[in-house]
Amino acid sequence: MIDRAKVEQILGKIRVGLMADGGNIDLVDIKEDVIYVKLKGACGTCPMATLTLKNWVEKNLKTEIPEVKEVVAV
């Protein structure tokens, strides 16, 4: 089972970069090793949001928590 506190800690580091660009990210849920997040602010409407999610958010979470299968925006 993925530790919610660990996910929040990693998202806290990611959040700093997103906030610098006017965005943010919230943890919505964790189910069956899939992490569900909500991109907010500038990140919620950015055309590059999918790349940010997969290439930055998902990559960092998978590096720190190998059991993460996927990160999905809701």
N, C-alpha and C. Protein backbone atom coordinates (compact mmCIF):
# COMPACT_ATOMS: atom_id res chain seq x y z
N MET A 1 0.84 -1.18 0.00
CA MET A 1 0.00 0.00 0.00
C MET A 1 0.89 1.25 0.00
N ILE A 2 0.52 2.20 -0.81
CA ILE A 2 1.28 3.44 -0.93
C ILE A 2 0.93 4.36 0.24
N ASP A 3 1.96 4.89 0.88
CA ASP A 3 1.81 5.78 2.02
C ASP A 3 1.40 7.18 1.56
N ARG A 4 0.23 7.60 1.98
CA ARG A 4 -0.31 8.90 1.58
C ARG A 4 0.62 10.05 2.02
N ALA A 5 1.18 9.94 3.20
CA ALA A 5 2.08 10.99 3.71
C ALA A 5 3.32 11.11 2.83
N LYS A 6 3.84 10.00 2.35
CA LYS A 6 5.01 10.01 1.47
C LYS A 6 4.66 10.70 0.14
N VAL A 7 3.48 10.39 -0.40
CA VAL A 7 3.03 11.02 -1.64
C VAL A 7 2.90 12.53 -1.44
N GLU A 8 2.30 12.93 -0.33
CA GLU A 8 2.14 14.37 -0.04
C GLU A 8 3.50 15.05 0.08
N GLN A 9 4.47 14.36 0.68
CA GLN A 9 5.82 14.92 0.82
C GLN A 9 6.45 15.17 -0.55
N ILE A 10 6.33 14.22 -1.45
CA ILE A 10 6.89 14.36 -2.80
C ILE A 10 6.14 15.44 -3.57
N LEU A 11 4.81 15.45 -3.45
CA LEU A 11 4.03 16.48 -4.13
C LEU A 11 4.38 17.87 -3.60
N GLY A 12 4.77 17.95 -2.34
CA GLY A 12 5.20 19.23 -1.77
C GLY A 12 6.41 19.79 -2.50
N LYS A 13 7.34 18.92 -2.86
CA LYS A 13 8.53 19.35 -3.61
C LYS A 13 8.14 19.77 -5.03
N ILE A 14 7.25 19.02 -5.64
CA ILE A 14 6.79 19.31 -7.00
C ILE A 14 5.98 20.61 -7.01
N ARG A 15 5.19 20.78 -5.97
CA ARG A 15 4.31 21.95 -5.85
C ARG A 15 5.08 23.27 -5.94
N VAL A 16 6.29 23.30 -5.39
CA VAL A 16 7.11 24.52 -5.42
C VAL A 16 7.32 24.98 -6.86
N GLY A 17 7.67 24.05 -7.74
CA GLY A 17 7.88 24.39 -9.15
C GLY A 17 6.60 24.80 -9.85
N LEU A 18 5.51 24.10 -9.55
CA LEU A 18 4.23 24.43 -10.18
C LEU A 18 3.75 25.82 -9.75
N MET A 19 3.94 26.12 -8.48
CA MET A 19 3.50 27.43 -7.96
C MET A 19 4.30 28.57 -8.58
N ALA A 20 5.54 28.31 -8.93
CA ALA A 20 6.37 29.33 -9.57
C ALA A 20 5.79 29.73 -10.93
N ASP A 21 5.04 28.80 -11.53
CA ASP A 21 4.40 29.08 -12.82
C ASP A 21 2.91 29.38 -12.69
N GLY A 22 2.45 29.60 -11.47
CA GLY A 22 1.04 29.96 -11.26
C GLY A 22 0.11 28.78 -11.12
N GLY A 23 0.66 27.59 -10.91
CA GLY A 23 -0.18 26.40 -10.79
C GLY A 23 -0.07 25.76 -9.42
N ASN A 24 -0.70 24.61 -9.29
CA ASN A 24 -0.65 23.85 -8.04
C ASN A 24 -1.16 22.44 -8.34
N ILE A 25 -1.04 21.56 -7.35
CA ILE A 25 -1.49 20.19 -7.50
C ILE A 25 -2.02 19.69 -6.17
N ASP A 26 -3.13 18.98 -6.22
CA ASP A 26 -3.72 18.39 -5.01
C ASP A 26 -3.80 16.88 -5.19
N LEU A 27 -3.54 16.16 -4.11
CA LEU A 27 -3.74 14.72 -4.09
C LEU A 27 -5.22 14.46 -3.86
N VAL A 28 -5.85 13.71 -4.76
CA VAL A 28 -7.27 13.42 -4.65
C VAL A 28 -7.48 12.06 -4.01
N ASP A 29 -6.77 11.04 -4.51
CA ASP A 29 -6.99 9.68 -4.00
C ASP A 29 -5.83 8.78 -4.42
N ILE A 30 -5.75 7.65 -3.76
CA ILE A 30 -4.80 6.59 -4.13
C ILE A 30 -5.58 5.29 -4.13
N LYS A 31 -5.65 4.63 -5.28
CA LYS A 31 -6.37 3.36 -5.40
C LYS A 31 -5.54 2.39 -6.22
N GLU A 32 -5.30 1.22 -5.66
CA GLU A 32 -4.60 0.15 -6.37
C GLU A 32 -3.31 0.63 -7.04
N ASP A 33 -2.50 1.34 -6.28
CA ASP A 33 -1.20 1.85 -6.73
C ASP A 33 -1.28 2.88 -7.85
N VAL A 34 -2.45 3.48 -8.03
CA VAL A 34 -2.64 4.58 -8.97
C VAL A 34 -2.93 5.83 -8.14
N ILE A 35 -2.22 6.90 -8.44
CA ILE A 35 -2.38 8.16 -7.70
C ILE A 35 -3.21 9.11 -8.56
N TYR A 36 -4.27 9.64 -7.96
CA TYR A 36 -5.16 10.57 -8.65
C TYR A 36 -4.90 11.97 -8.11
N VAL A 37 -4.62 12.91 -9.02
CA VAL A 37 -4.31 14.28 -8.63
C VAL A 37 -5.17 15.25 -9.41
N LYS A 38 -5.26 16.46 -8.90
CA LYS A 38 -5.95 17.54 -9.61
C LYS A 38 -4.96 18.67 -9.81
N LEU A 39 -4.73 19.03 -11.08
CA LEU A 39 -3.90 20.18 -11.40
C LEU A 39 -4.75 21.42 -11.31
N LYS A 40 -4.22 22.46 -10.66
CA LYS A 40 -5.00 23.67 -10.41
C LYS A 40 -4.29 24.90 -10.93
N GLY A 41 -5.00 26.00 -10.94
CA GLY A 41 -4.43 27.27 -11.38
C GLY A 41 -4.02 27.21 -12.83
N ALA A 42 -2.88 27.78 -13.15
CA ALA A 42 -2.39 27.80 -14.53
C ALA A 42 -2.19 26.38 -15.07
N CYS A 43 -1.86 25.44 -14.20
CA CYS A 43 -1.63 24.05 -14.63
C CYS A 43 -2.92 23.36 -15.06
N GLY A 44 -4.05 23.81 -14.52
CA GLY A 44 -5.33 23.21 -14.86
C GLY A 44 -5.77 23.50 -16.28
N THR A 45 -5.27 24.59 -16.86
CA THR A 45 -5.69 24.98 -18.20
C THR A 45 -4.54 24.99 -19.21
N CYS A 46 -3.36 24.65 -18.77
CA CYS A 46 -2.19 24.69 -19.63
C CYS A 46 -2.21 23.56 -20.66
N PRO A 47 -1.90 23.88 -21.93
CA PRO A 47 -1.87 22.83 -22.94
C PRO A 47 -0.73 21.82 -22.71
N MET A 48 0.24 22.17 -21.89
CA MET A 48 1.35 21.27 -21.59
C MET A 48 1.11 20.45 -20.32
N ALA A 49 -0.08 20.55 -19.75
CA ALA A 49 -0.39 19.88 -18.48
C ALA A 49 -0.16 18.38 -18.54
N THR A 50 -0.51 17.74 -19.64
CA THR A 50 -0.32 16.29 -19.76
C THR A 50 1.16 15.93 -19.70
N LEU A 51 1.98 16.71 -20.38
CA LEU A 51 3.43 16.46 -20.33
C LEU A 51 3.98 16.70 -18.93
N THR A 52 3.52 17.75 -18.28
CA THR A 52 3.95 18.03 -16.91
C THR A 52 3.57 16.87 -16.01
N LEU A 53 2.36 16.38 -16.16
CA LEU A 53 1.87 15.29 -15.33
C LEU A 53 2.71 14.03 -15.51
N LYS A 54 2.94 13.63 -16.75
CA LYS A 54 3.64 12.38 -17.03
C LYS A 54 5.17 12.50 -16.87
N ASN A 55 5.74 13.56 -17.41
CA ASN A 55 7.20 13.68 -17.44
C ASN A 55 7.81 14.24 -16.16
N TRP A 56 7.00 14.88 -15.33
CA TRP A 56 7.56 15.45 -14.12
C TRP A 56 6.92 14.85 -12.87
N VAL A 57 5.59 14.98 -12.75
CA VAL A 57 4.91 14.50 -11.56
C VAL A 57 5.02 12.97 -11.46
N GLU A 58 4.58 12.27 -12.49
CA GLU A 58 4.61 10.80 -12.46
C GLU A 58 6.04 10.27 -12.34
N LYS A 59 6.95 10.84 -13.07
CA LYS A 59 8.35 10.38 -13.04
C LYS A 59 8.93 10.51 -11.63
N ASN A 60 8.71 11.65 -10.98
CA ASN A 60 9.22 11.85 -9.62
C ASN A 60 8.58 10.90 -8.63
N LEU A 61 7.28 10.70 -8.73
CA LEU A 61 6.60 9.80 -7.80
C LEU A 61 7.07 8.36 -8.00
N LYS A 62 7.23 7.93 -9.25
CA LYS A 62 7.69 6.56 -9.52
C LYS A 62 9.14 6.35 -9.06
N THR A 63 9.95 7.39 -9.16
CA THR A 63 11.34 7.29 -8.71
C THR A 63 11.39 7.09 -7.19
N GLU A 64 10.59 7.85 -6.48
CA GLU A 64 10.58 7.80 -5.01
C GLU A 64 9.77 6.63 -4.46
N ILE A 65 8.71 6.24 -5.18
CA ILE A 65 7.83 5.16 -4.74
C ILE A 65 7.64 4.20 -5.91
N PRO A 66 8.52 3.20 -6.04
CA PRO A 66 8.50 2.31 -7.20
C PRO A 66 7.18 1.57 -7.45
N GLU A 67 6.38 1.35 -6.41
CA GLU A 67 5.13 0.63 -6.61
C GLU A 67 4.03 1.45 -7.29
N VAL A 68 4.27 2.76 -7.52
CA VAL A 68 3.28 3.58 -8.23
C VAL A 68 3.20 3.09 -9.67
N LYS A 69 1.97 2.76 -10.10
CA LYS A 69 1.74 2.29 -11.47
C LYS A 69 1.54 3.46 -12.43
N GLU A 70 0.79 4.48 -11.95
CA GLU A 70 0.42 5.58 -12.82
C GLU A 70 -0.06 6.75 -11.98
N VAL A 71 0.04 7.94 -12.57
CA VAL A 71 -0.53 9.15 -11.98
C VAL A 71 -1.57 9.67 -12.97
N VAL A 72 -2.78 9.89 -12.49
CA VAL A 72 -3.90 10.28 -13.35
C VAL A 72 -4.46 11.61 -12.87
N ALA A 73 -4.70 12.52 -13.80
CA ALA A 73 -5.35 13.80 -13.47
C ALA A 73 -6.86 13.62 -13.51
N VAL A 74 -7.54 14.18 -12.53
CA VAL A 74 -9.00 14.11 -12.50
C VAL A 74 -9.60 15.50 -12.52
